[in-house]
PDB file of N, CA and C in Angstrom:
ATOM      1  N   MET A   1      -7.235 -52.102 -22.286  1.00  0.00           N
ATOM      2  CA  MET A   1      -8.239 -51.226 -21.748  1.00  0.00           C
ATOM      3  C   MET A   1      -8.021 -51.027 -20.251  1.00  0.00           C
ATOM      4  N   SER A   2      -7.594 -52.042 -19.545  1.00  0.00           N
ATOM      5  CA  SER A   2      -7.420 -51.927 -18.096  1.00  0.00           C
ATOM      6  C   SER A   2      -6.200 -51.064 -17.755  1.00  0.00           C
ATOM      7  N   ARG A   3      -5.314 -50.833 -18.737  1.00  0.00           N
ATOM      8  CA  ARG A   3      -4.129 -50.016 -18.507  1.00  0.00           C
ATOM      9  C   ARG A   3      -4.500 -48.540 -18.282  1.00  0.00           C
ATOM     10  N   ASP A   4      -5.596 -48.048 -18.861  1.00  0.00           N
ATOM     11  CA  ASP A   4      -6.038 -46.670 -18.724  1.00  0.00           C
ATOM     12  C   ASP A   4      -6.925 -46.458 -17.501  1.00  0.00           C
ATOM     13  N   ARG A   5      -7.192 -47.464 -16.786  1.00  0.00           N
ATOM     14  CA  ARG A   5      -8.102 -47.378 -15.648  1.00  0.00           C
ATOM     15  C   ARG A   5      -7.498 -46.464 -14.570  1.00  0.00           C
ATOM     16  N   GLY A   6      -8.261 -45.425 -14.134  1.00  0.00           N
ATOM     17  CA  GLY A   6      -7.810 -44.514 -13.094  1.00  0.00           C
ATOM     18  C   GLY A   6      -7.047 -43.310 -13.609  1.00  0.00           C
ATOM     19  N   SER A   7      -6.837 -43.213 -14.925  1.00  0.00           N
ATOM     20  CA  SER A   7      -6.072 -42.072 -15.441  1.00  0.00           C
ATOM     21  C   SER A   7      -6.855 -40.770 -15.328  1.00  0.00           C
ATOM     22  N   ALA A   8      -8.169 -40.811 -15.365  1.00  0.00           N
ATOM     23  CA  ALA A   8      -8.978 -39.594 -15.215  1.00  0.00           C
ATOM     24  C   ALA A   8      -8.797 -39.005 -13.820  1.00  0.00           C
ATOM     25  N   THR A   9      -8.632 -39.846 -12.828  1.00  0.00           N
ATOM     26  CA  THR A   9      -8.411 -39.376 -11.461  1.00  0.00           C
ATOM     27  C   THR A   9      -7.086 -38.629 -11.361  1.00  0.00           C
ATOM     28  N   VAL A  10      -6.064 -39.141 -11.995  1.00  0.00           N
ATOM     29  CA  VAL A  10      -4.755 -38.488 -11.984  1.00  0.00           C
ATOM     30  C   VAL A  10      -4.838 -37.144 -12.691  1.00  0.00           C
ATOM     31  N   TRP A  11      -5.495 -37.099 -13.840  1.00  0.00           N
ATOM     32  CA  TRP A  11      -5.637 -35.841 -14.561  1.00  0.00           C
ATOM     33  C   TRP A  11      -6.462 -34.825 -13.772  1.00  0.00           C
ATOM     34  N   ALA A  12      -7.514 -35.269 -13.147  1.00  0.00           N
ATOM     35  CA  ALA A  12      -8.349 -34.370 -12.338  1.00  0.00           C
ATOM     36  C   ALA A  12      -7.548 -33.804 -11.163  1.00  0.00           C
ATOM     37  N   ALA A  13      -6.742 -34.626 -10.524  1.00  0.00           N
ATOM     38  CA  ALA A  13      -5.907 -34.152  -9.410  1.00  0.00           C
ATOM     39  C   ALA A  13      -4.867 -33.149  -9.905  1.00  0.00           C
ATOM     40  N   LEU A  14      -4.288 -33.401 -11.059  1.00  0.00           N
ATOM     41  CA  LEU A  14      -3.303 -32.489 -11.636  1.00  0.00           C
ATOM     42  C   LEU A  14      -3.933 -31.138 -11.982  1.00  0.00           C
ATOM     43  N   VAL A  15      -5.101 -31.163 -12.602  1.00  0.00           N
ATOM     44  CA  VAL A  15      -5.802 -29.926 -12.962  1.00  0.00           C
ATOM     45  C   VAL A  15      -6.190 -29.150 -11.705  1.00  0.00           C
ATOM     46  N   ALA A  16      -6.672 -29.838 -10.676  1.00  0.00           N
ATOM     47  CA  ALA A  16      -7.048 -29.175  -9.425  1.00  0.00           C
ATOM     48  C   ALA A  16      -5.831 -28.525  -8.771  1.00  0.00           C
ATOM     49  N   THR A  17      -4.695 -29.174  -8.821  1.00  0.00           N
ATOM     50  CA  THR A  17      -3.470 -28.610  -8.251  1.00  0.00           C
ATOM     51  C   THR A  17      -3.031 -27.366  -9.008  1.00  0.00           C
ATOM     52  N   VAL A  18      -3.061 -27.437 -10.334  1.00  0.00           N
ATOM     53  CA  VAL A  18      -2.673 -26.279 -11.147  1.00  0.00           C
ATOM     54  C   VAL A  18      -3.630 -25.113 -10.915  1.00  0.00           C
ATOM     55  N   LEU A  19      -4.924 -25.370 -10.891  1.00  0.00           N
ATOM     56  CA  LEU A  19      -5.899 -24.306 -10.645  1.00  0.00           C
ATOM     57  C   LEU A  19      -5.722 -23.702  -9.254  1.00  0.00           C
ATOM     58  N   GLY A  20      -5.435 -24.530  -8.274  1.00  0.00           N
ATOM     59  CA  GLY A  20      -5.180 -24.021  -6.921  1.00  0.00           C
ATOM     60  C   GLY A  20      -3.966 -23.109  -6.879  1.00  0.00           C
ATOM     61  N   ALA A  21      -2.916 -23.470  -7.595  1.00  0.00           N
ATOM     62  CA  ALA A  21      -1.714 -22.631  -7.639  1.00  0.00           C
ATOM     63  C   ALA A  21      -1.988 -21.310  -8.353  1.00  0.00           C
ATOM     64  N   VAL A  22      -2.739 -21.351  -9.437  1.00  0.00           N
ATOM     65  CA  VAL A  22      -3.067 -20.124 -10.169  1.00  0.00           C
ATOM     66  C   VAL A  22      -3.920 -19.202  -9.300  1.00  0.00           C
ATOM     67  N   PHE A  23      -4.931 -19.734  -8.655  1.00  0.00           N
ATOM     68  CA  PHE A  23      -5.787 -18.910  -7.804  1.00  0.00           C
ATOM     69  C   PHE A  23      -5.022 -18.383  -6.594  1.00  0.00           C
ATOM     70  N   GLY A  24      -4.132 -19.179  -6.042  1.00  0.00           N
ATOM     71  CA  GLY A  24      -3.295 -18.712  -4.932  1.00  0.00           C
ATOM     72  C   GLY A  24      -2.397 -17.563  -5.354  1.00  0.00           C
ATOM     73  N   GLY A  25      -1.819 -17.669  -6.543  1.00  0.00           N
ATOM     74  CA  GLY A  25      -0.991 -16.574  -7.070  1.00  0.00           C
ATOM     75  C   GLY A  25      -1.807 -15.318  -7.312  1.00  0.00           C
ATOM     76  N   ALA A  26      -3.022 -15.479  -7.807  1.00  0.00           N
ATOM     77  CA  ALA A  26      -3.886 -14.319  -8.032  1.00  0.00           C
ATOM     78  C   ALA A  26      -4.251 -13.653  -6.707  1.00  0.00           C
ATOM     79  N   LEU A  27      -4.502 -14.438  -5.686  1.00  0.00           N
ATOM     80  CA  LEU A  27      -4.809 -13.864  -4.371  1.00  0.00           C
ATOM     81  C   LEU A  27      -3.612 -13.116  -3.797  1.00  0.00           C
ATOM     82  N   LEU A  28      -2.418 -13.653  -3.956  1.00  0.00           N
ATOM     83  CA  LEU A  28      -1.220 -12.959  -3.484  1.00  0.00           C
ATOM     84  C   LEU A  28      -1.003 -11.656  -4.239  1.00  0.00           C
ATOM     85  N   LEU A  29      -1.210 -11.676  -5.535  1.00  0.00           N
ATOM     86  CA  LEU A  29      -1.069 -10.463  -6.333  1.00  0.00           C
ATOM     87  C   LEU A  29      -2.086  -9.414  -5.891  1.00  0.00           C
ATOM     88  N   GLY A  30      -3.300  -9.845  -5.633  1.00  0.00           N
ATOM     89  CA  GLY A  30      -4.330  -8.931  -5.147  1.00  0.00           C
ATOM     90  C   GLY A  30      -3.965  -8.319  -3.811  1.00  0.00           C
ATOM     91  N   GLN A  31      -3.386  -9.112  -2.925  1.00  0.00           N
ATOM     92  CA  GLN A  31      -2.973  -8.600  -1.621  1.00  0.00           C
ATOM     93  C   GLN A  31      -1.858  -7.564  -1.764  1.00  0.00           C
ATOM     94  N   ALA A  32      -0.943  -7.773  -2.675  1.00  0.00           N
ATOM     95  CA  ALA A  32       0.130  -6.806  -2.912  1.00  0.00           C
ATOM     96  C   ALA A  32      -0.427  -5.496  -3.473  1.00  0.00           C
ATOM     97  N   VAL A  33      -1.393  -5.589  -4.377  1.00  0.00           N
ATOM     98  CA  VAL A  33      -2.001  -4.389  -4.959  1.00  0.00           C
ATOM     99  C   VAL A  33      -2.764  -3.606  -3.897  1.00  0.00           C
ATOM    100  N   VAL A  34      -3.495  -4.304  -3.046  1.00  0.00           N
ATOM    101  CA  VAL A  34      -4.237  -3.638  -1.971  1.00  0.00           C
ATOM    102  C   VAL A  34      -3.277  -2.939  -1.017  1.00  0.00           C
ATOM    103  N   ALA A  35      -2.178  -3.577  -0.671  1.00  0.00           N
ATOM    104  CA  ALA A  35      -1.191  -2.955   0.224  1.00  0.00           C
ATOM    105  C   ALA A  35      -0.630  -1.685  -0.396  1.00  0.00           C
ATOM    106  N   ARG A  36      -0.342  -1.721  -1.679  1.00  0.00           N
ATOM    107  CA  ARG A  36       0.199  -0.540  -2.348  1.00  0.00           C
ATOM    108  C   ARG A  36      -0.815   0.597  -2.375  1.00  0.00           C
ATOM    109  N   HIS A  37      -2.061   0.287  -2.665  1.00  0.00           N
ATOM    110  CA  HIS A  37      -3.096   1.322  -2.703  1.00  0.00           C
ATOM    111  C   HIS A  37      -3.351   1.915  -1.318  1.00  0.00           C
ATOM    112  N   ARG A  38      -3.345   1.070  -0.300  1.00  0.00           N
ATOM    113  CA  ARG A  38      -3.530   1.575   1.068  1.00  0.00           C
ATOM    114  C   ARG A  38      -2.384   2.479   1.471  1.00  0.00           C
ATOM    115  N   ALA A  39      -1.157   2.113   1.108  1.00  0.00           N
ATOM    116  CA  ALA A  39       0.001   2.941   1.437  1.00  0.00           C
ATOM    117  C   ALA A  39      -0.050   4.267   0.683  1.00  0.00           C
ATOM    118  N   ALA A  40      -0.455   4.233  -0.569  1.00  0.00           N
ATOM    119  CA  ALA A  40      -0.549   5.465  -1.357  1.00  0.00           C
ATOM    120  C   ALA A  40      -1.609   6.399  -0.786  1.00  0.00           C
ATOM    121  N   ALA A  41      -2.757   5.848  -0.416  1.00  0.00           N
ATOM    122  CA  ALA A  41      -3.816   6.684   0.151  1.00  0.00           C
ATOM    123  C   ALA A  41      -3.376   7.284   1.482  1.00  0.00           C
ATOM    124  N   ALA A  42      -2.734   6.482   2.314  1.00  0.00           N
ATOM    125  CA  ALA A  42      -2.275   6.980   3.612  1.00  0.00           C
ATOM    126  C   ALA A  42      -1.209   8.059   3.438  1.00  0.00           C
ATOM    127  N   ALA A  43      -0.290   7.865   2.502  1.00  0.00           N
ATOM    128  CA  ALA A  43       0.763   8.863   2.266  1.00  0.00           C
ATOM    129  C   ALA A  43       0.165  10.161   1.740  1.00  0.00           C
ATOM    130  N   ASP A  44      -0.769  10.068   0.808  1.00  0.00           N
ATOM    131  CA  ASP A  44      -1.400  11.270   0.264  1.00  0.00           C
ATOM    132  C   ASP A  44      -2.141  12.053   1.344  1.00  0.00           C
ATOM    133  N   LEU A  45      -2.947  11.340   2.133  1.00  0.00           N
ATOM    134  CA  LEU A  45      -3.723  12.019   3.172  1.00  0.00           C
ATOM    135  C   LEU A  45      -2.824  12.608   4.254  1.00  0.00           C
ATOM    136  N   ALA A  46      -1.780  11.887   4.638  1.00  0.00           N
ATOM    137  CA  ALA A  46      -0.865  12.393   5.662  1.00  0.00           C
ATOM    138  C   ALA A  46      -0.112  13.620   5.156  1.00  0.00           C
ATOM    139  N   ALA A  47       0.294  13.601   3.890  1.00  0.00           N
ATOM    140  CA  ALA A  47       0.992  14.763   3.330  1.00  0.00           C
ATOM    141  C   ALA A  47       0.067  15.973   3.262  1.00  0.00           C
ATOM    142  N   LEU A  48      -1.166  15.758   2.872  1.00  0.00           N
ATOM    143  CA  LEU A  48      -2.131  16.858   2.841  1.00  0.00           C
ATOM    144  C   LEU A  48      -2.382  17.416   4.240  1.00  0.00           C
ATOM    145  N   ALA A  49      -2.485  16.532   5.220  1.00  0.00           N
ATOM    146  CA  ALA A  49      -2.705  16.986   6.593  1.00  0.00           C
ATOM    147  C   ALA A  49      -1.516  17.782   7.105  1.00  0.00           C
ATOM    148  N   ALA A  50      -0.312  17.327   6.811  1.00  0.00           N
ATOM    149  CA  ALA A  50       0.881  18.055   7.251  1.00  0.00           C
ATOM    150  C   ALA A  50       0.978  19.399   6.555  1.00  0.00           C
ATOM    151  N   ALA A  51       0.685  19.434   5.260  1.00  0.00           N
ATOM    152  CA  ALA A  51       0.755  20.696   4.524  1.00  0.00           C
ATOM    153  C   ALA A  51      -0.317  21.676   4.998  1.00  0.00           C
ATOM    154  N   ALA A  52      -1.454  21.155   5.427  1.00  0.00           N
ATOM    155  CA  ALA A  52      -2.533  22.024   5.897  1.00  0.00           C
ATOM    156  C   ALA A  52      -2.215  22.651   7.255  1.00  0.00           C
ATOM    157  N   THR A  53      -1.333  22.014   8.026  1.00  0.00           N
ATOM    158  CA  THR A  53      -1.013  22.520   9.374  1.00  0.00           C
ATOM    159  C   THR A  53       0.424  23.006   9.475  1.00  0.00           C
ATOM    160  N   TRP A  54       1.039  23.368   8.347  1.00  0.00           N
ATOM    161  CA  TRP A  54       2.450  23.780   8.352  1.00  0.00           C
ATOM    162  C   TRP A  54       2.681  25.009   9.215  1.00  0.00           C
ATOM    163  N   ALA A  55       1.703  25.874   9.341  1.00  0.00           N
ATOM    164  CA  ALA A  55       1.887  27.129  10.078  1.00  0.00           C
ATOM    165  C   ALA A  55       2.080  26.899  11.578  1.00  0.00           C
ATOM    166  N   HIS A  56       1.711  25.741  12.067  1.00  0.00           N
ATOM    167  CA  HIS A  56       1.855  25.421  13.488  1.00  0.00           C
ATOM    168  C   HIS A  56       3.226  24.853  13.819  1.00  0.00           C
ATOM    169  N   GLY A  57       4.077  24.738  12.828  1.00  0.00           N
ATOM    170  CA  GLY A  57       5.428  24.232  13.033  1.00  0.00           C
ATOM    171  C   GLY A  57       5.571  22.802  12.558  1.00  0.00           C
ATOM    172  N   PRO A  58       6.826  22.395  12.301  1.00  0.00           N
ATOM    173  CA  PRO A  58       7.060  21.046  11.763  1.00  0.00           C
ATOM    174  C   PRO A  58       6.671  19.927  12.726  1.00  0.00           C
ATOM    175  N   GLU A  59       6.875  20.125  14.017  1.00  0.00           N
ATOM    176  CA  GLU A  59       6.532  19.062  14.976  1.00  0.00           C
ATOM    177  C   GLU A  59       5.033  18.807  14.976  1.00  0.00           C
ATOM    178  N   THR A  60       4.256  19.879  15.013  1.00  0.00           N
ATOM    179  CA  THR A  60       2.800  19.728  15.017  1.00  0.00           C
ATOM    180  C   THR A  60       2.314  19.146  13.695  1.00  0.00           C
ATOM    181  N   ALA A  61       2.848  19.642  12.584  1.00  0.00           N
ATOM    182  CA  ALA A  61       2.425  19.151  11.272  1.00  0.00           C
ATOM    183  C   ALA A  61       2.729  17.663  11.111  1.00  0.00           C
ATOM    184  N   CYS A  62       3.910  17.245  11.558  1.00  0.00           N
ATOM    185  CA  CYS A  62       4.263  15.822  11.444  1.00  0.00           C
ATOM    186  C   CYS A  62       3.469  14.968  12.432  1.00  0.00           C
ATOM    187  N   ALA A  63       3.107  15.523  13.575  1.00  0.00           N
ATOM    188  CA  ALA A  63       2.256  14.786  14.521  1.00  0.00           C
ATOM    189  C   ALA A  63       0.870  14.560  13.924  1.00  0.00           C
ATOM    190  N   VAL A  64       0.358  15.566  13.230  1.00  0.00           N
ATOM    191  CA  VAL A  64      -0.935  15.416  12.553  1.00  0.00           C
ATOM    192  C   VAL A  64      -0.820  14.372  11.446  1.00  0.00           C
ATOM    193  N   ALA A  65       0.279  14.415  10.696  1.00  0.00           N
ATOM    194  CA  ALA A  65       0.495  13.426   9.632  1.00  0.00           C
ATOM    195  C   ALA A  65       0.573  12.014  10.203  1.00  0.00           C
ATOM    196  N   LEU A  66       1.233  11.871  11.340  1.00  0.00           N
ATOM    197  CA  LEU A  66       1.324  10.557  11.992  1.00  0.00           C
ATOM    198  C   LEU A  66      -0.055  10.060  12.397  1.00  0.00           C
ATOM    199  N   ARG A  67      -0.865  10.939  12.958  1.00  0.00           N
ATOM    200  CA  ARG A  67      -2.211  10.553  13.390  1.00  0.00           C
ATOM    201  C   ARG A  67      -3.054  10.122  12.190  1.00  0.00           C
ATOM    202  N   VAL A  68      -2.951  10.857  11.095  1.00  0.00           N
ATOM    203  CA  VAL A  68      -3.718  10.519   9.892  1.00  0.00           C
ATOM    204  C   VAL A  68      -3.241   9.188   9.310  1.00  0.00           C
ATOM    205  N   ALA A  69      -1.935   8.981   9.252  1.00  0.00           N
ATOM    206  CA  ALA A  69      -1.405   7.718   8.711  1.00  0.00           C
ATOM    207  C   ALA A  69      -1.848   6.533   9.557  1.00  0.00           C
ATOM    208  N   ARG A  70      -1.790   6.675  10.862  1.00  0.00           N
ATOM    209  CA  ARG A  70      -2.236   5.581  11.746  1.00  0.00           C
ATOM    210  C   ARG A  70      -3.722   5.296  11.581  1.00  0.00           C
ATOM    211  N   ALA A  71      -4.505   6.355  11.383  1.00  0.00           N
ATOM    212  CA  ALA A  71      -5.943   6.168  11.174  1.00  0.00           C
ATOM    213  C   ALA A  71      -6.216   5.385   9.890  1.00  0.00           C
ATOM    214  N   GLN A  72      -5.297   5.444   8.942  1.00  0.00           N
ATOM    215  CA  GLN A  72      -5.426   4.705   7.687  1.00  0.00           C
ATOM    216  C   GLN A  72      -4.797   3.319   7.761  1.00  0.00           C
ATOM    217  N   GLY A  73      -4.266   2.956   8.919  1.00  0.00           N
ATOM    218  CA  GLY A  73      -3.643   1.643   9.081  1.00  0.00           C
ATOM    219  C   GLY A  73      -2.228   1.577   8.556  1.00  0.00           C
ATOM    220  N   ALA A  74      -1.544   2.722   8.512  1.00  0.00           N
ATOM    221  CA  ALA A  74      -0.180   2.776   7.983  1.00  0.00           C
ATOM    222  C   ALA A  74       0.763   3.300   9.052  1.00  0.00           C
ATOM    223  N   ALA A  75       2.038   3.036   8.843  1.00  0.00           N
ATOM    224  CA  ALA A  75       3.089   3.588   9.702  1.00  0.00           C
ATOM    225  C   ALA A  75       3.732   4.741   8.946  1.00  0.00           C
ATOM    226  N   LEU A  76       4.102   5.770   9.673  1.00  0.00           N
ATOM    227  CA  LEU A  76       4.748   6.920   9.054  1.00  0.00           C
ATOM    228  C   LEU A  76       6.248   6.665   9.045  1.00  0.00           C
ATOM    229  N   GLY A  77       6.819   6.574   7.846  1.00  0.00           N
ATOM    230  CA  GLY A  77       8.240   6.308   7.713  1.00  0.00           C
ATOM    231  C   GLY A  77       9.091   7.553   7.768  1.00  0.00           C
ATOM    232  N   GLY A  78       8.514   8.681   7.416  1.00  0.00           N
ATOM    233  CA  GLY A  78       9.260   9.924   7.430  1.00  0.00           C
ATOM    234  C   GLY A  78       8.340  11.090   7.171  1.00  0.00           C
ATOM    235  N   CYS A  79       8.731  12.251   7.692  1.00  0.00           N
ATOM    236  CA  CYS A  79       7.950  13.466   7.508  1.00  0.00           C
ATOM    237  C   CYS A  79       8.904  14.647   7.486  1.00  0.00           C
ATOM    238  N   LEU A  80       8.952  15.342   6.370  1.00  0.00           N
ATOM    239  CA  LEU A  80       9.780  16.533   6.228  1.00  0.00           C
ATOM    240  C   LEU A  80       8.897  17.695   5.826  1.00  0.00           C
ATOM    241  N   LEU A  81       9.139  18.829   6.457  1.00  0.00           N
ATOM    242  CA  LEU A  81       8.373  20.021   6.135  1.00  0.00           C
ATOM    243  C   LEU A  81       9.333  21.108   5.690  1.00  0.00           C
ATOM    244  N   GLY A  82       9.164  21.568   4.471  1.00  0.00           N
ATOM    245  CA  GLY A  82       9.974  22.659   3.942  1.00  0.00           C
ATOM    246  C   GLY A  82       9.063  23.818   3.601  1.00  0.00           C
ATOM    247  N   GLY A  83       8.866  24.695   4.558  1.00  0.00           N
ATOM    248  CA  GLY A  83       7.905  25.783   4.358  1.00  0.00           C
ATOM    249  C   GLY A  83       6.504  25.219   4.340  1.00  0.00           C
ATOM    250  N   GLU A  84       5.795  25.486   3.255  1.00  0.00           N
ATOM    251  CA  GLU A  84       4.420  25.002   3.122  1.00  0.00           C
ATOM    252  C   GLU A  84       4.336  23.618   2.478  1.00  0.00           C
ATOM    253  N   VAL A  85       5.451  23.055   2.089  1.00  0.00           N
ATOM    254  CA  VAL A  85       5.474  21.776   1.376  1.00  0.00           C
ATOM    255  C   VAL A  85       5.832  20.652   2.350  1.00  0.00           C
ATOM    256  N   ALA A  86       5.012  19.626   2.352  1.00  0.00           N
ATOM    257  CA  ALA A  86       5.241  18.466   3.216  1.00  0.00           C
ATOM    258  C   ALA A  86       5.576  17.251   2.364  1.00  0.00           C
ATOM    259  N   GLU A  87       6.594  16.502   2.778  1.00  0.00           N
ATOM    260  CA  GLU A  87       6.948  15.240   2.138  1.00  0.00           C
ATOM    261  C   GLU A  87       6.827  14.143   3.180  1.00  0.00           C
ATOM    262  N   VAL A  88       6.024  13.142   2.864  1.00  0.00           N
ATOM    263  CA  VAL A  88       5.684  12.099   3.831  1.00  0.00           C
ATOM    264  C   VAL A  88       5.928  10.737   3.198  1.00  0.00           C
ATOM    265  N   THR A  89       6.403   9.791   4.008  1.00  0.00           N
ATOM    266  CA  THR A  89       6.551   8.404   3.587  1.00  0.00           C
ATOM    267  C   THR A  89       5.665   7.539   4.474  1.00  0.00           C
ATOM    268  N   ALA A  90       4.796   6.747   3.849  1.00  0.00           N
ATOM    269  CA  ALA A  90       3.903   5.851   4.588  1.00  0.00           C
ATOM    270  C   ALA A  90       4.217   4.409   4.214  1.00  0.00           C
ATOM    271  N   ARG A  91       4.076   3.522   5.198  1.00  0.00           N
ATOM    272  CA  ARG A  91       4.377   2.099   5.000  1.00  0.00           C
ATOM    273  C   ARG A  91       3.209   1.259   5.500  1.00  0.00           C
ATOM    274  N   VAL A  92       2.777   0.325   4.680  1.00  0.00           N
ATOM    275  CA  VAL A  92       1.686  -0.583   5.032  1.00  0.00           C
ATOM    276  C   VAL A  92       2.188  -2.012   4.879  1.00  0.00           C
ATOM    277  N   VAL A  93       1.932  -2.831   5.894  1.00  0.00           N
ATOM    278  CA  VAL A  93       2.269  -4.250   5.849  1.00  0.00           C
ATOM    279  C   VAL A  93       0.968  -5.028   5.694  1.00  0.00           C
ATOM    280  N   ALA A  94       0.888  -5.821   4.653  1.00  0.00           N
ATOM    281  CA  ALA A  94      -0.290  -6.653   4.399  1.00  0.00           C
ATOM    282  C   ALA A  94       0.189  -8.059   4.078  1.00  0.00           C
ATOM    283  N   GLY A  95       0.071  -8.943   5.026  1.00  0.00           N
ATOM    284  CA  GLY A  95       0.548 -10.306   4.818  1.00  0.00           C
ATOM    285  C   GLY A  95       2.053 -10.310   4.627  1.00  0.00           C
ATOM    286  N   PRO A  96       2.532 -10.969   3.580  1.00  0.00           N
ATOM    287  CA  PRO A  96       3.985 -11.010   3.354  1.00  0.00           C
ATOM    288  C   PRO A  96       4.524  -9.774   2.636  1.00  0.00           C
ATOM    289  N   PHE A  97       3.657  -8.823   2.315  1.00  0.00           N
ATOM    290  CA  PHE A  97       4.061  -7.673   1.514  1.00  0.00           C
ATOM    291  C   PHE A  97       4.144  -6.407   2.357  1.00  0.00           C
ATOM    292  N   THR A  98       5.143  -5.581   2.061  1.00  0.00           N
ATOM    293  CA  THR A  98       5.282  -4.260   2.666  1.00  0.00           C
ATOM    294  C   THR A  98       5.365  -3.249   1.537  1.00  0.00           C
ATOM    295  N   ALA A  99       4.430  -2.301   1.552  1.00  0.00           N
ATOM    296  CA  ALA A  99       4.416  -1.251   0.535  1.00  0.00           C
ATOM    297  C   ALA A  99       4.833   0.056   1.188  1.00  0.00           C
ATOM    298  N   THR A 100       5.789   0.747   0.589  1.00  0.00           N
ATOM    299  CA  THR A 100       6.259   2.038   1.073  1.00  0.00           C
ATOM    300  C   THR A 100       6.079   3.060  -0.043  1.00  0.00           C
ATOM    301  N   ILE A 101       5.336   4.121   0.259  1.00  0.00           N
ATOM    302  CA  ILE A 101       5.010   5.140  -0.737  1.00  0.00           C
ATOM    303  C   ILE A 101       5.351   6.519  -0.186  1.00  0.00           C
ATOM    304  N   GLN A 102       5.888   7.378  -1.044  1.00  0.00           N
ATOM    305  CA  GLN A 102       6.167   8.758  -0.678  1.00  0.00           C
ATOM    306  C   GLN A 102       5.144   9.661  -1.349  1.00  0.00           C
ATOM    307  N   ALA A 103       4.756  10.716  -0.625  1.00  0.00           N
ATOM    308  CA  ALA A 103       3.818  11.694  -1.181  1.00  0.00           C
ATOM    309  C   ALA A 103       4.288  13.090  -0.803  1.00  0.00           C
ATOM    310  N   ARG A 104       3.916  14.032  -1.633  1.00  0.00           N
ATOM    311  CA  ARG A 104       4.300  15.429  -1.415  1.00  0.00           C
ATOM    312  C   ARG A 104       3.060  16.284  -1.601  1.00  0.00           C
ATOM    313  N   ALA A 105       2.881  17.264  -0.702  1.00  0.00           N
ATOM    314  CA  ALA A 105       1.716  18.150  -0.794  1.00  0.00           C
ATOM    315  C   ALA A 105       2.132  19.557  -0.406  1.00  0.00           C
ATOM    316  N   GLY A 106       1.485  20.493  -1.007  1.00  0.00           N
ATOM    317  CA  GLY A 106       1.741  21.896  -0.726  1.00  0.00           C
ATOM    318  C   GLY A 106       0.932  22.759  -1.669  1.00  0.00           C
ATOM    319  N   PRO A 107       1.177  24.050  -1.644  1.00  0.00           N
ATOM    320  CA  PRO A 107       0.424  24.932  -2.532  1.00  0.00           C
ATOM    321  C   PRO A 107       0.814  24.699  -3.986  1.00  0.00           C
ATOM    322  N   PRO A 108      -0.075  25.041  -4.902  1.00  0.00           N
ATOM    323  CA  PRO A 108       0.270  24.854  -6.313  1.00  0.00           C
ATOM    324  C   PRO A 108       1.390  25.804  -6.715  1.00  0.00           C
ATOM    325  N   GLY A 109       2.192  25.363  -7.653  1.00  0.00           N
ATOM    326  CA  GLY A 109       3.278  26.178  -8.161  1.00  0.00           C
ATOM    327  C   GLY A 109       2.765  27.247  -9.109  1.00  0.00           C
ATOM    328  N   PRO A 110       3.631  28.105  -9.567  1.00  0.00           N
ATOM    329  CA  PRO A 110       3.190  29.148 -10.498  1.00  0.00           C
ATOM    330  C   PRO A 110       2.773  28.540 -11.835  1.00  0.00           C
ATOM    331  N   ARG A 111       1.764  29.122 -12.410  1.00  0.00           N
ATOM    332  CA  ARG A 111       1.298  28.643 -13.713  1.00  0.00           C
ATOM    333  C   ARG A 111       2.096  29.336 -14.805  1.00  0.00           C
ATOM    334  N   GLY A 112       2.468  28.572 -15.772  1.00  0.00           N
ATOM    335  CA  GLY A 112       3.278  29.202 -16.804  1.00  0.00           C
ATOM    336  C   GLY A 112       3.112  28.664 -18.103  1.00  0.00           C
TER     337      GLY A 112
END
């Protein structure tokens, strides 16, 4: 009987360690998902802003896209304007994760 003495403490410590690792992994996964969503939102909004100001020239449109991306907490990785269509790349760093998303905005294509 004395041989089993203290085994519950060992099991409790083992379970606490495993639960801590699982919860830590879930928190890291959540942080990666949040970074991706923030980057996607910033890229979408920046592309829409650039496409909305295409008539002022590519420099102005990309400057507006940069301002919008920064307001969303993202860095602008690239901005290309082809006529009325804007292609933007936004990057968000959240902890150990970096999410990079591309977005495209412009007028709707022909319906067919």
